[in-house]
């Protein structure tokens, strides 16, 4: 079970990186280019959501790789 947790730690880290890529490339950049009232959601995606998602999923994956969630016998 602990090996599965370590593998899923890598999955969470990759998922976090992909989520940030998706938010920046597919969401924020298109809203930045549209301009007008779309600037506010673009700022939220770029400044608020991306660091939160990357930090949370990255830390969760890192802790999983370090064995913080392992079952101790």
C-alpha atoms as a PDB file:
ATOM      1  CA  UNK A   1       0.000   0.000   0.000  1.00  0.00           C
ATOM      2  CA  UNK A   2       2.866   2.380   0.753  1.00  0.00           C
ATOM      3  CA  UNK A   3       4.289   1.860  -2.753  1.00  0.00           C
ATOM      4  CA  UNK A   4       0.947   2.832  -4.258  1.00  0.00           C
ATOM      5  CA  UNK A   5       0.943   6.005  -2.157  1.00  0.00           C
ATOM      6  CA  UNK A   6       4.395   6.927  -3.466  1.00  0.00           C
ATOM      7  CA  UNK A   7       3.306   6.331  -7.075  1.00  0.00           C
ATOM      8  CA  UNK A   8       0.207   8.433  -6.522  1.00  0.00           C
ATOM      9  CA  UNK A   9       2.441  11.164  -5.079  1.00  0.00           C
ATOM     10  CA  UNK A  10       4.116  11.444  -8.464  1.00  0.00           C
ATOM     11  CA  UNK A  11       0.692  11.431 -10.127  1.00  0.00           C
ATOM     12  CA  UNK A  12      -0.476  14.322  -7.916  1.00  0.00           C
ATOM     13  CA  UNK A  13       2.641  16.341  -8.718  1.00  0.00           C
ATOM     14  CA  UNK A  14       2.204  15.802 -12.461  1.00  0.00           C
ATOM     15  CA  UNK A  15      -1.500  16.612 -12.186  1.00  0.00           C
ATOM     16  CA  UNK A  16      -0.660  19.860 -10.380  1.00  0.00           C
ATOM     17  CA  UNK A  17       1.788  20.884 -13.096  1.00  0.00           C
ATOM     18  CA  UNK A  18      -0.726  20.051 -15.815  1.00  0.00           C
ATOM     19  CA  UNK A  19      -3.491  21.983 -14.027  1.00  0.00           C
ATOM     20  CA  UNK A  20      -1.302  25.083 -13.883  1.00  0.00           C
ATOM     21  CA  UNK A  21      -0.403  24.682 -17.561  1.00  0.00           C
ATOM     22  CA  UNK A  22      -4.083  24.321 -18.467  1.00  0.00           C
ATOM     23  CA  UNK A  23      -5.147  27.364 -16.430  1.00  0.00           C
ATOM     24  CA  UNK A  24      -2.438  29.578 -17.864  1.00  0.00           C
ATOM     25  CA  UNK A  25      -2.492  28.480 -21.510  1.00  0.00           C
ATOM     26  CA  UNK A  26      -6.153  27.650 -22.099  1.00  0.00           C
ATOM     27  CA  UNK A  27      -7.872  29.981 -19.674  1.00  0.00           C
ATOM     28  CA  UNK A  28      -5.825  32.992 -18.602  1.00  0.00           C
ATOM     29  CA  UNK A  29      -4.038  33.821 -21.861  1.00  0.00           C
ATOM     30  CA  UNK A  30      -7.250  33.757 -23.880  1.00  0.00           C
ATOM     31  CA  UNK A  31      -8.909  36.049 -21.342  1.00  0.00           C
ATOM     32  CA  UNK A  32      -5.899  38.406 -21.304  1.00  0.00           C
ATOM     33  CA  UNK A  33      -6.100  38.665 -25.094  1.00  0.00           C
ATOM     34  CA  UNK A  34      -9.838  39.430 -25.058  1.00  0.00           C
ATOM     35  CA  UNK A  35      -9.360  42.334 -22.645  1.00  0.00           C
ATOM     36  CA  UNK A  36     -12.218  44.394 -21.271  1.00  0.00           C
ATOM     37  CA  UNK A  37     -14.184  42.749 -18.481  1.00  0.00           C
ATOM     38  CA  UNK A  38     -12.268  39.509 -18.963  1.00  0.00           C
ATOM     39  CA  UNK A  39      -9.177  40.884 -17.228  1.00  0.00           C
ATOM     40  CA  UNK A  40     -10.526  40.168 -13.722  1.00  0.00           C
ATOM     41  CA  UNK A  41     -10.972  36.387 -14.231  1.00  0.00           C
ATOM     42  CA  UNK A  42      -7.580  36.277 -15.952  1.00  0.00           C
ATOM     43  CA  UNK A  43      -5.938  37.880 -12.920  1.00  0.00           C
ATOM     44  CA  UNK A  44      -7.752  35.445 -10.622  1.00  0.00           C
ATOM     45  CA  UNK A  45      -6.562  32.461 -12.685  1.00  0.00           C
ATOM     46  CA  UNK A  46      -3.007  33.752 -12.863  1.00  0.00           C
ATOM     47  CA  UNK A  47      -2.425  35.200  -9.405  1.00  0.00           C
ATOM     48  CA  UNK A  48      -4.763  33.249  -7.122  1.00  0.00           C
ATOM     49  CA  UNK A  49      -5.677  29.849  -8.536  1.00  0.00           C
ATOM     50  CA  UNK A  50      -2.408  28.759 -10.153  1.00  0.00           C
ATOM     51  CA  UNK A  51      -0.228  29.149  -7.047  1.00  0.00           C
ATOM     52  CA  UNK A  52      -2.874  27.538  -4.845  1.00  0.00           C
ATOM     53  CA  UNK A  53      -3.307  24.526  -7.113  1.00  0.00           C
ATOM     54  CA  UNK A  54       0.403  24.079  -7.756  1.00  0.00           C
ATOM     55  CA  UNK A  55       1.261  24.470  -4.091  1.00  0.00           C
ATOM     56  CA  UNK A  56      -1.435  22.180  -2.753  1.00  0.00           C
ATOM     57  CA  UNK A  57      -1.013  19.337  -5.225  1.00  0.00           C
ATOM     58  CA  UNK A  58       2.771  19.669  -5.223  1.00  0.00           C
ATOM     59  CA  UNK A  59       3.029  19.567  -1.442  1.00  0.00           C
ATOM     60  CA  UNK A  60       0.616  16.651  -1.223  1.00  0.00           C
ATOM     61  CA  UNK A  61       2.665  14.728  -3.770  1.00  0.00           C
ATOM     62  CA  UNK A  62       5.947  15.618  -2.070  1.00  0.00           C
ATOM     63  CA  UNK A  63       4.685  14.509   1.338  1.00  0.00           C
ATOM     64  CA  UNK A  64       3.452  11.292  -0.212  1.00  0.00           C
ATOM     65  CA  UNK A  65       6.861  10.644  -1.775  1.00  0.00           C
ATOM     66  CA  UNK A  66       8.600  11.356   1.533  1.00  0.00           C
ATOM     67  CA  UNK A  67       6.421   8.782   3.293  1.00  0.00           C
ATOM     68  CA  UNK A  68       4.421  11.121   5.514  1.00  0.00           C
ATOM     69  CA  UNK A  69       1.241   9.153   4.798  1.00  0.00           C
ATOM     70  CA  UNK A  70       2.782   5.685   5.195  1.00  0.00           C
ATOM     71  CA  UNK A  71       1.207   3.268   7.600  1.00  0.00           C
ATOM     72  CA  UNK A  72       3.587   2.652  10.461  1.00  0.00           C
ATOM     73  CA  UNK A  73       3.470  -0.844  11.933  1.00  0.00           C
END
